[in-house]
Protein backbone atom coordinates (compact mmCIF):
# COMPACT_ATOMS: atom_id res chain seq x y z
CA MET A 1 -23.64 10.40 15.73
CA ALA A 2 -21.74 13.56 16.63
CA LEU A 3 -23.27 16.97 16.09
CA VAL A 4 -21.96 19.46 13.55
CA MET A 5 -19.20 21.64 14.91
CA ALA A 6 -20.34 24.89 16.53
CA GLY A 7 -21.14 27.67 14.10
CA ALA A 8 -21.20 25.44 11.05
CA GLN A 9 -24.07 25.59 8.60
CA LEU A 10 -25.46 22.82 6.49
CA PRO A 11 -25.48 24.26 2.94
CA PHE A 12 -28.16 21.90 1.62
CA ASP A 13 -30.42 19.00 2.48
CA GLY A 14 -28.47 15.74 2.35
CA LEU A 15 -31.50 13.87 1.01
CA MET A 16 -31.10 15.78 -2.25
CA ALA A 17 -28.03 13.69 -3.16
CA ASP A 18 -27.49 9.96 -3.60
CA TYR A 19 -24.29 10.01 -1.54
CA ASP A 20 -22.53 12.23 0.96
CA LEU A 21 -19.11 11.61 -0.60
CA ALA A 22 -18.11 10.30 -4.02
CA ILE A 23 -14.48 9.28 -4.48
CA ILE A 24 -12.76 8.91 -7.83
CA GLY A 25 -9.77 6.57 -7.61
CA GLY A 26 -9.27 3.23 -5.91
CA GLY A 27 -5.64 3.52 -4.88
CA LEU A 28 -4.53 3.72 -1.26
CA ASN A 29 -5.60 7.34 -0.83
CA GLY A 30 -9.04 6.69 -2.29
CA VAL A 31 -9.86 3.57 -0.30
CA SER A 32 -8.52 5.18 2.90
CA LEU A 33 -10.94 8.08 2.39
CA ALA A 34 -13.76 5.61 1.77
CA ARG A 35 -13.01 3.61 4.92
CA ASP A 36 -12.75 6.65 7.16
CA ALA A 37 -15.88 8.35 5.82
CA ALA A 38 -18.04 5.21 5.81
CA GLY A 39 -17.06 4.48 9.40
CA ARG A 40 -18.21 7.96 10.41
CA GLY A 41 -21.68 7.30 9.04
CA LEU A 42 -21.40 8.99 5.64
CA ARG A 43 -22.95 7.53 2.51
CA VAL A 44 -19.92 6.80 0.32
CA ILE A 45 -19.32 5.59 -3.22
CA LEU A 46 -15.89 4.90 -4.69
CA LEU A 47 -15.34 4.71 -8.46
CA GLU A 48 -12.24 2.97 -9.86
CA GLN A 49 -11.84 2.61 -13.61
CA GLY A 50 -9.59 -0.45 -13.32
CA ASP A 51 -8.66 -2.61 -10.32
CA LEU A 52 -8.11 -1.50 -6.75
CA GLY A 53 -4.48 -0.53 -6.23
CA GLY A 54 -3.82 -1.09 -9.91
CA ALA A 55 -1.19 1.61 -10.33
CA ALA A 56 1.27 3.33 -7.95
CA SER A 57 -0.29 1.84 -4.81
CA SER A 58 1.07 -1.56 -5.88
CA ALA A 59 4.52 -0.16 -6.66
CA THR A 60 5.55 1.31 -3.32
CA PRO A 61 8.75 0.41 -1.44
CA ARG A 62 6.47 -1.72 0.80
CA LEU A 63 7.76 -0.04 3.96
CA ILE A 64 6.00 1.15 7.10
CA HIS A 65 8.69 3.32 8.63
CA GLY A 66 9.77 6.70 9.91
CA ASP A 67 12.16 7.16 6.95
CA LEU A 68 15.78 7.71 7.96
CA SER A 69 16.36 10.03 5.00
CA VAL A 70 13.76 12.44 6.45
CA LEU A 71 15.49 12.26 9.82
CA GLU A 72 18.74 13.17 8.11
CA ARG A 73 17.06 16.33 6.79
CA ARG A 74 15.94 17.14 10.34
CA GLY A 75 12.29 16.37 9.73
CA PHE A 76 11.92 15.27 13.35
CA TRP A 77 8.18 15.91 13.63
CA ARG A 78 7.49 14.02 10.40
CA VAL A 79 9.52 11.04 11.59
CA ARG A 80 7.82 11.02 14.99
CA ARG A 81 4.39 11.15 13.35
CA ALA A 82 5.29 8.33 10.95
CA LEU A 83 6.63 6.16 13.77
CA ALA A 84 3.37 6.69 15.66
CA GLU A 85 1.54 5.47 12.56
CA ARG A 86 3.87 2.48 12.39
CA ARG A 87 2.66 1.50 15.85
CA THR A 88 -0.95 1.97 14.72
CA TRP A 89 -0.50 -0.24 11.64
CA LEU A 90 1.03 -3.01 13.75
CA ALA A 91 -2.06 -2.91 15.93
CA ILE A 92 -4.73 -2.81 13.22
CA ALA A 93 -3.11 -4.88 10.43
CA PRO A 94 -0.76 -7.43 12.03
CA HIS A 95 -1.23 -9.88 9.15
CA LEU A 96 -0.18 -7.33 6.50
CA VAL A 97 2.45 -5.37 8.44
CA ARG A 98 5.43 -7.37 9.70
CA PRO A 99 8.25 -6.14 11.96
CA MET A 100 11.70 -6.68 10.47
CA ARG A 101 15.28 -5.94 11.43
CA PHE A 102 16.92 -3.55 9.00
CA VAL A 103 20.70 -3.72 8.57
CA ILE A 104 22.90 -0.83 7.35
CA PRO A 105 26.48 -1.94 6.57
CA ALA A 106 29.00 0.81 7.35
CA HIS A 107 30.75 1.95 4.16
CA SER A 108 34.06 3.78 4.45
CA GLU A 109 33.13 6.14 1.60
CA GLU A 110 29.71 7.10 2.95
CA ARG A 111 28.24 8.34 6.25
CA PRO A 112 30.68 7.78 9.16
CA PRO A 113 29.71 5.09 11.69
CA TRP A 114 29.32 7.57 14.52
CA LEU A 115 26.72 9.49 12.50
CA LEU A 116 24.73 6.34 11.74
CA ARG A 117 24.86 5.27 15.37
CA ALA A 118 23.68 8.68 16.59
CA GLY A 119 20.94 8.84 13.97
CA LEU A 120 19.54 5.46 14.94
CA TYR A 121 19.63 6.36 18.63
CA LEU A 122 17.56 9.44 17.79
CA TYR A 123 15.28 7.34 15.60
CA ASP A 124 14.51 5.03 18.53
CA SER A 125 13.98 7.97 20.87
CA LEU A 126 11.27 9.46 18.61
CA THR A 127 8.91 6.57 19.27
CA SER A 128 7.64 5.18 22.52
CA ARG A 129 6.09 1.88 23.59
CA SER A 130 6.63 0.39 20.14
CA GLY A 131 7.52 -3.04 21.50
CA LEU A 132 10.19 -3.41 18.81
CA PRO A 133 13.88 -4.03 19.56
CA VAL A 134 16.11 -0.95 19.63
CA ALA A 135 19.07 -0.33 17.35
CA THR A 136 22.32 -2.17 17.92
CA THR A 137 25.80 -2.52 16.40
CA LEU A 138 26.80 -5.78 14.69
CA ASP A 139 30.16 -7.30 13.88
CA ILE A 140 29.04 -8.86 10.60
CA THR A 141 32.27 -10.78 10.13
CA HIS A 142 30.84 -13.12 12.80
CA HIS A 143 27.11 -12.70 12.14
CA SER A 144 24.81 -14.41 9.66
CA VAL A 145 23.73 -11.11 8.09
CA GLY A 146 27.28 -10.73 6.78
CA ASN A 147 27.25 -13.99 4.83
CA ALA A 148 25.81 -12.43 1.68
CA LEU A 149 28.02 -9.32 1.81
CA LYS A 150 31.47 -8.59 0.50
CA ARG A 151 34.30 -9.07 2.98
CA PRO A 152 35.35 -5.41 3.44
CA PHE A 153 32.17 -4.76 5.43
CA GLY A 154 32.88 -5.58 9.06
CA THR A 155 30.44 -3.35 10.95
CA ALA A 156 26.72 -2.82 10.48
CA PHE A 157 23.91 -1.16 12.38
CA GLU A 158 20.64 -2.99 12.96
CA TYR A 159 17.32 -1.32 13.78
CA SER A 160 13.59 -2.08 13.67
CA ASP A 161 11.00 -1.08 11.10
CA CYS A 162 8.21 -2.83 9.20
CA VAL A 163 7.35 -4.11 5.75
CA VAL A 164 3.83 -4.24 4.32
CA ASP A 165 1.95 -5.95 1.52
CA ASP A 166 0.89 -2.71 -0.17
CA SER A 167 -1.62 -4.05 -2.70
CA ARG A 168 -3.43 -6.21 -0.13
CA LEU A 169 -3.53 -3.23 2.21
CA VAL A 170 -5.48 -1.38 -0.50
CA VAL A 171 -7.94 -4.24 -1.00
CA LEU A 172 -8.57 -4.87 2.69
CA THR A 173 -9.06 -1.16 3.34
CA ALA A 174 -11.68 -1.17 0.59
CA LEU A 175 -13.26 -4.30 2.08
CA ASP A 176 -13.54 -2.62 5.47
CA ALA A 177 -15.13 0.42 3.82
CA ALA A 178 -17.64 -1.81 2.04
CA GLU A 179 -18.54 -3.64 5.24
CA ARG A 180 -19.25 -0.25 6.81
CA GLY A 181 -21.64 0.68 4.01
CA ALA A 182 -19.48 2.15 1.23
CA ALA A 183 -20.30 1.22 -2.37
CA ILE A 184 -17.10 0.10 -4.12
CA ARG A 185 -17.34 0.10 -7.91
CA THR A 186 -14.41 -1.25 -9.93
CA GLY A 187 -14.47 -1.02 -13.71
CA ALA A 188 -16.40 2.24 -13.23
CA ARG A 189 -15.15 5.45 -14.81
CA CYS A 190 -16.33 8.96 -14.06
CA VAL A 191 -16.38 10.78 -17.41
CA ARG A 192 -17.85 14.10 -16.28
CA ALA A 193 -18.57 15.90 -13.02
CA ASP A 194 -20.68 19.04 -12.81
CA ARG A 195 -20.48 21.17 -9.69
CA THR A 196 -23.23 23.26 -8.13
CA ASP A 197 -24.32 22.89 -4.51
CA THR A 198 -24.01 19.17 -5.23
CA TRP A 199 -21.87 17.15 -7.62
CA ARG A 200 -23.53 15.38 -10.52
CA LEU A 201 -21.33 12.62 -11.95
CA ALA A 202 -21.71 10.88 -15.31
CA VAL A 203 -20.38 7.35 -14.88
CA VAL A 204 -19.67 4.47 -17.23
CA ASP A 205 -19.91 1.37 -15.03
CA ARG A 206 -18.72 -1.75 -16.91
CA GLY A 207 -20.23 -0.45 -20.12
CA HIS A 208 -23.45 0.96 -18.64
CA ARG A 209 -23.95 4.73 -18.49
CA GLY A 210 -25.55 6.33 -15.48
CA ALA A 211 -25.54 9.36 -13.23
CA ILE A 212 -25.10 9.81 -9.49
CA THR A 213 -25.13 12.83 -7.22
CA ALA A 214 -22.99 13.52 -4.17
CA ARG A 215 -22.72 16.26 -1.58
CA ALA A 216 -18.89 16.22 -1.79
CA LEU A 217 -16.32 14.81 -4.19
CA ALA A 218 -12.76 13.54 -3.72
CA ASN A 219 -10.26 13.33 -6.57
CA ALA A 220 -7.84 10.60 -5.45
CA THR A 221 -6.68 9.43 -8.86
CA GLY A 222 -2.92 9.40 -8.22
CA GLY A 223 -0.96 9.97 -11.40
CA TRP A 224 -4.18 11.01 -13.16
CA THR A 225 -5.06 13.75 -10.65
CA SER A 226 -4.29 16.72 -12.87
CA ILE A 227 -5.79 15.03 -15.95
CA VAL A 228 -9.05 14.31 -14.10
CA ALA A 229 -9.14 17.82 -12.66
CA GLU A 230 -8.78 19.34 -16.13
CA THR A 231 -10.91 17.04 -18.30
CA VAL A 232 -13.52 15.56 -15.93
CA LEU A 233 -13.96 18.10 -13.13
CA ARG A 234 -12.92 21.14 -15.13
CA GLN A 235 -11.49 22.68 -11.97
CA PRO A 236 -8.20 24.62 -11.78
CA GLN A 237 -5.35 22.93 -9.92
CA PRO A 238 -1.85 24.07 -8.93
CA THR A 239 1.09 22.85 -10.99
CA MET A 240 2.06 19.35 -9.93
CA ALA A 241 5.16 17.31 -10.69
CA ALA A 242 4.83 13.70 -11.81
CA MET A 243 7.31 11.31 -10.24
CA GLN A 244 8.06 7.72 -11.24
CA MET A 245 9.23 5.21 -8.63
CA SER A 246 10.68 1.88 -9.68
CA GLN A 247 12.04 -1.32 -8.16
CA ILE A 248 13.42 -4.59 -9.45
CA ILE A 249 12.79 -8.19 -8.41
CA VAL A 250 15.63 -10.71 -8.67
CA PRO A 251 16.13 -14.29 -7.41
CA ARG A 252 16.79 -14.37 -3.67
CA LEU A 253 20.23 -13.04 -2.80
CA PHE A 254 20.39 -13.91 0.91
CA GLU A 255 18.93 -16.35 3.41
CA SER A 256 18.68 -14.14 6.48
CA ASP A 257 15.25 -12.74 7.36
CA ASN A 258 16.09 -9.05 7.39
CA VAL A 259 16.10 -5.98 5.13
CA TYR A 260 19.41 -4.53 3.96
CA VAL A 261 19.76 -0.77 3.70
CA PHE A 262 22.61 0.24 1.39
CA GLN A 263 24.16 3.67 1.21
CA ASN A 264 24.73 4.43 -2.45
CA SER A 265 27.48 6.68 -3.76
CA ASP A 266 24.97 9.48 -4.53
CA GLY A 267 23.71 9.53 -0.92
CA ARG A 268 20.48 7.62 -1.55
CA LEU A 269 19.42 4.69 0.59
CA ILE A 270 18.63 1.51 -1.37
CA PHE A 271 16.62 -1.29 0.25
CA ALA A 272 16.97 -5.00 -0.48
CA SER A 273 14.08 -6.97 1.04
CA PRO A 274 13.07 -10.64 1.14
CA PHE A 275 10.17 -10.97 -1.29
CA GLU A 276 7.73 -13.86 -1.69
CA ARG A 277 10.21 -16.40 -0.25
CA GLU A 278 12.16 -17.00 -3.48
CA PHE A 279 13.02 -13.44 -4.48
CA THR A 280 14.62 -10.16 -3.41
CA LEU A 281 13.05 -6.74 -4.00
CA ILE A 282 15.58 -3.95 -4.62
CA GLY A 283 14.68 -0.26 -4.76
CA THR A 284 13.64 2.43 -4.95
CA VAL A 285 14.81 4.79 -7.70
CA THR A 286 12.73 7.92 -8.29
CA HIS A 287 12.81 10.54 -11.02
CA ASP A 288 10.60 12.96 -12.95
CA PHE A 289 8.04 11.46 -15.31
CA THR A 290 6.35 12.71 -18.45
CA GLY A 291 3.75 10.84 -20.44
CA ASP A 292 0.72 8.66 -19.84
CA PRO A 293 0.65 7.30 -16.24
CA ALA A 294 -1.12 4.21 -17.58
CA ILE A 295 2.01 3.32 -19.54
CA VAL A 296 4.96 3.24 -17.14
CA ALA A 297 8.11 1.40 -18.12
CA MET A 298 11.29 1.22 -16.09
CA PRO A 299 14.22 2.59 -18.15
CA GLY A 300 17.27 0.39 -18.57
CA THR A 301 19.35 3.06 -16.85
CA ASP A 302 17.25 2.68 -13.68
CA VAL A 303 17.63 -1.10 -13.78
CA SER A 304 21.39 -0.73 -14.10
CA TYR A 305 21.46 1.84 -11.30
CA LEU A 306 19.79 -0.51 -8.82
CA CYS A 307 21.90 -3.47 -9.92
CA GLU A 308 25.10 -1.47 -9.41
CA ALA A 309 23.93 -0.14 -6.05
CA ALA A 310 23.26 -3.67 -4.80
CA SER A 311 26.49 -5.02 -6.30
CA ARG A 312 28.53 -2.58 -4.20
CA TYR A 313 27.55 -4.65 -1.18
CA PHE A 314 26.44 -8.17 -2.15
CA ARG A 315 29.08 -10.81 -2.71
CA GLU A 316 26.99 -12.12 -5.61
CA ARG A 317 26.95 -9.57 -8.40
CA VAL A 318 23.50 -8.41 -9.51
CA ALA A 319 23.17 -7.96 -13.27
CA PRO A 320 20.25 -6.63 -15.36
CA THR A 321 19.88 -10.14 -16.79
CA ASP A 322 18.99 -11.36 -13.28
CA VAL A 323 15.87 -9.16 -13.12
CA VAL A 324 12.70 -11.26 -13.32
CA ARG A 325 10.28 -8.34 -13.03
CA THR A 326 10.29 -4.57 -12.71
CA VAL A 327 7.72 -2.64 -10.66
CA SER A 328 6.92 0.98 -11.49
CA GLY A 329 4.27 3.54 -10.66
CA VAL A 330 3.62 7.25 -11.09
CA ASN A 331 2.29 9.69 -8.54
CA LEU A 332 2.13 13.45 -8.29
CA THR A 333 3.78 15.79 -5.83
CA LEU A 334 3.28 19.46 -5.01
CA ALA A 335 6.54 21.29 -4.33
CA ARG A 336 8.10 17.81 -4.01
CA ARG A 337 6.38 17.14 -0.71
CA ARG A 338 7.11 13.55 0.27
CA ASP A 339 4.30 13.32 2.82
CA GLY A 340 1.52 13.90 0.29
CA THR A 341 -0.83 16.78 -0.42
CA THR A 342 -4.49 17.33 0.43
CA LEU A 343 -6.31 20.31 -1.05
CA PHE A 344 -9.79 21.36 0.06
CA HIS A 345 -12.11 23.77 -1.68
CA ALA A 346 -15.71 24.81 -1.01
CA GLY A 347 -17.64 27.99 -1.60
CA ARG A 348 -21.08 29.51 -1.83
CA ARG A 349 -23.20 27.11 -3.88
CA LYS A 350 -20.05 25.10 -4.61
CA ALA A 351 -20.04 21.61 -3.14
CA PRO A 352 -16.83 20.59 -1.35
CA LEU A 353 -13.94 19.17 -3.35
CA ILE A 354 -11.07 17.19 -1.80
CA THR A 355 -7.97 16.60 -3.91
CA MET A 356 -5.53 14.10 -2.40
CA PHE A 357 -2.34 12.84 -4.06
CA GLY A 358 1.15 11.64 -3.24
CA GLY A 359 2.40 10.53 0.13
CA ASP A 360 3.66 7.21 1.41
CA VAL A 361 1.91 4.14 2.77
CA THR A 362 2.86 4.86 6.37
CA THR A 363 0.79 8.03 6.76
CA SER A 364 -2.08 7.14 4.41
CA ARG A 365 -4.56 6.45 7.22
CA LEU A 366 -3.74 9.76 8.91
CA ARG A 367 -4.04 11.73 5.65
CA ALA A 368 -7.52 10.31 5.05
CA GLU A 369 -8.60 10.99 8.63
CA ARG A 370 -7.60 14.63 8.36
CA ALA A 371 -9.20 15.04 4.94
CA VAL A 372 -12.58 13.63 6.00
CA THR A 373 -12.49 15.79 9.12
CA ARG A 374 -12.49 18.84 6.82
CA LEU A 375 -16.07 17.93 5.92
CA THR A 376 -17.42 18.26 9.46
CA PRO A 377 -18.79 21.80 8.88
CA PHE A 378 -21.01 20.43 6.11
CA TYR A 379 -22.76 17.49 7.73
CA PRO A 380 -22.85 15.50 10.96
CA MET A 381 -20.44 12.64 11.39
CA SER A 382 -19.09 10.52 14.21
CA PRO A 383 -15.57 11.06 15.65
CA ARG A 384 -12.26 9.82 14.27
CA TRP A 385 -12.03 6.07 14.65
CA THR A 386 -9.68 4.32 12.20
CA ALA A 387 -6.64 4.21 14.51
CA GLY A 388 -8.41 1.82 16.86
CA ALA A 389 -10.22 -0.53 14.46
CA ALA A 390 -8.56 -3.57 12.93
CA LEU A 391 -8.65 -4.16 9.21
CA PRO A 392 -10.47 -7.34 8.12
CA GLY A 393 -8.58 -10.33 9.49
CA GLY A 394 -6.35 -8.22 11.72
CA ASP A 395 -8.04 -8.82 15.07
CA PHE A 396 -5.02 -10.40 16.79
CA ALA A 397 -1.83 -9.06 18.37
CA TRP A 398 1.09 -8.65 15.97
CA GLY A 399 3.27 -10.84 18.13
CA ARG A 400 0.86 -13.75 17.54
CA PHE A 401 1.42 -14.09 13.79
CA ASP A 402 3.38 -17.35 14.12
CA THR A 403 0.73 -18.66 16.50
CA GLU A 404 -1.95 -17.94 13.89
CA VAL A 405 0.10 -19.90 11.36
CA ASP A 406 0.35 -22.85 13.76
CA LEU A 407 -3.41 -22.73 14.39
CA ALA A 408 -4.07 -22.72 10.64
CA ARG A 409 -1.88 -25.80 10.16
CA ASP A 410 -3.66 -27.56 13.01
CA ARG A 411 -7.06 -26.89 11.43
CA TRP A 412 -6.12 -27.50 7.78
CA ARG A 413 -3.51 -30.22 8.06
CA PHE A 414 -2.88 -30.36 4.32
CA LEU A 415 -1.20 -26.93 4.43
CA SER A 416 2.58 -26.74 4.42
CA GLU A 417 4.16 -24.09 6.63
CA PRO A 418 4.97 -21.75 3.69
CA GLN A 419 1.40 -22.13 2.40
CA ALA A 420 -0.05 -21.37 5.83
CA GLN A 421 2.22 -18.33 6.19
CA ARG A 422 1.06 -16.93 2.86
CA LEU A 423 -2.61 -17.46 3.64
CA VAL A 424 -2.44 -16.00 7.15
CA ALA A 425 -0.48 -13.02 5.82
CA ALA A 426 -3.23 -12.44 3.24
CA TYR A 427 -6.40 -13.17 5.21
CA GLY A 428 -5.45 -13.26 8.89
CA SER A 429 -8.26 -14.45 11.12
CA ARG A 430 -10.64 -14.54 8.14
CA LEU A 431 -8.93 -17.56 6.63
CA PRO A 432 -11.94 -19.79 7.48
CA ALA A 433 -13.98 -17.75 5.00
CA VAL A 434 -11.55 -18.89 2.29
CA LEU A 435 -10.85 -22.51 3.23
CA GLY A 436 -14.07 -23.37 5.07
CA ASP A 437 -14.19 -26.85 6.58
CA ALA A 438 -12.01 -28.49 3.92
CA LYS A 439 -10.24 -31.61 5.14
CA THR A 440 -8.13 -32.12 2.01
CA ARG A 441 -6.72 -29.88 -0.67
CA ASP A 442 -8.95 -31.57 -3.25
CA GLU A 443 -12.00 -30.19 -1.46
CA LEU A 444 -10.83 -26.66 -2.36
CA GLY A 445 -11.43 -27.24 -6.05
CA PRO A 446 -9.00 -27.09 -8.96
CA ALA A 447 -5.38 -26.16 -8.31
CA PHE A 448 -3.53 -23.48 -10.24
CA GLY A 449 0.11 -24.05 -9.46
CA PRO A 450 1.24 -25.35 -6.06
CA GLU A 451 -0.69 -22.80 -3.95
CA LEU A 452 -3.75 -21.20 -5.57
CA THR A 453 -7.04 -23.10 -5.39
CA GLY A 454 -10.51 -22.67 -6.81
CA ALA A 455 -11.88 -21.85 -3.35
CA GLU A 456 -9.47 -18.94 -2.95
CA VAL A 457 -10.20 -17.68 -6.46
CA ARG A 458 -13.95 -17.73 -5.80
CA TYR A 459 -13.46 -15.84 -2.55
CA LEU A 460 -11.35 -13.17 -4.24
CA MET A 461 -13.89 -12.75 -7.02
CA THR A 462 -16.99 -12.62 -4.83
CA ARG A 463 -15.59 -10.70 -1.85
CA GLU A 464 -12.55 -8.75 -3.04
CA TRP A 465 -13.51 -7.47 -6.50
CA ALA A 466 -11.03 -9.59 -8.50
CA ARG A 467 -12.15 -9.80 -12.13
CA PHE A 468 -9.13 -10.88 -14.14
CA PRO A 469 -6.17 -13.23 -13.54
CA GLU A 470 -3.72 -10.35 -13.09
CA ASP A 471 -5.90 -8.96 -10.27
CA ILE A 472 -5.21 -12.16 -8.34
CA LEU A 473 -1.69 -12.98 -9.52
CA TRP A 474 -0.12 -9.54 -9.04
CA ARG A 475 -2.23 -7.59 -6.54
CA ARG A 476 -4.16 -9.91 -4.22
CA SER A 477 -1.12 -12.16 -4.30
CA LYS A 478 2.23 -12.28 -6.05
CA LEU A 479 1.78 -15.84 -7.30
CA GLY A 480 2.33 -14.61 -10.85
CA LEU A 481 6.06 -14.71 -10.11
CA THR A 482 6.06 -18.51 -10.06
CA MET A 483 2.93 -19.64 -11.90
CA PRO A 484 3.59 -21.28 -15.30
CA ALA A 485 1.82 -19.93 -18.39
CA ALA A 486 -0.36 -23.05 -18.74
CA GLU A 487 -1.66 -22.62 -15.18
CA ARG A 488 -2.46 -18.97 -15.88
CA ASP A 489 -4.51 -19.99 -18.91
CA ALA A 490 -6.38 -22.50 -16.77
CA LEU A 491 -7.02 -19.81 -14.17
CA ALA A 492 -8.40 -17.45 -16.81
CA ALA A 493 -10.77 -20.15 -18.08
CA PHE A 494 -11.92 -20.93 -14.53
CA MET A 495 -12.59 -17.26 -13.72
CA ALA A 496 -14.57 -16.82 -16.94
CA ASN A 497 -17.01 -19.47 -15.71
CA VAL A 498 -17.36 -18.29 -12.09
CA MET A 499 -19.48 -15.22 -12.70
């Protein structure tokens, strides 16, 4: 383990506390902190009052990208940094992060074609050795990507970026943290935290009251950050703005395997992505939010906005009645910073406090790495490591995803190709831990709908902290989109008898 940085002083004996770092909040920021810190040798505990990724972390645009809108505002360094992280995610999570071709149809009333072409050339130049195809110009009157679009659109620009399964990214990051020694506690709520030279936390863990101590504390509670700071930590925080982000899910609007990027009349970029084979995800719309972050509903005006934005381009009109599900989450921003905020505070006889909120999926690993590094003056830890270590199941090259699917079908011959694709995308090389040596589907236990089996449910409950049907149907998978009500009831009854 690395030595403490020169000149630093250890303010207290680490043996006085149960943990080196306690983290409140099991969203992407919280689990990323837990993974980074546990891998550096720190004793870590994470407390999440509900399910991992149960709020805004499961309502992201599901993109791993440099963000063209940031490039347009001349945020060159931010884009370059994000594109470097894109390359990292492809290397460490090839089952969760998939390269896609993004298509921007040229609209006569929006950005001129020459500007789009120049912007995408710059976008490609800001990354190196990505292995992804560079941007190109398409005549979509003679290309399959134009089939779903209205006829006036004749030219489009195609470039590379990635999509990600955000909620599974949260869970697998937590799993990696746990396998490196972190204690992950879901259904555990911190109700009070007292600060001296250590933190003493009062915790209600699935109905049982207890207390733990930690040398440092991280508030990573997303939309609840200011509420937790005021009522639980009783620590002053700067004024933060709450922002709601929302998307809609509609039946699949196109057959091509790409993501459309639409320029809306107000200058925003709207994405339409293939989603769970049978659907299209359209978003994102963002605006200020007031109220309880636990109760987030997408206003009808936002639904109409996204439907109209998509209908400007798609040949098939998108109406609010087509929406099968809305996805919304709330996070906080400081001075409307899109790349997230990390605050650090420590003082004489005041144990360190990290406050992390906001930011996108793309730079979450880097934010956590930098935040944990701030603790190096307080205790020894090993060097930064997360950029070179695969997430559970991700120990194969991203270009081998289809090969992994073929290998899965060879081993478990009862799997259809779509079923194998879903399972490899969820579990990667760890699929044997789910399916074992089963020779038939019947050997996997009861079936809940055409895809979910008892074996997978047991795995998710015993290894990935799933407790309720919605944990499985909406976060560890999206099978809730197609599962009939009767099958959900059967799933609930099965889960009640597992543990």
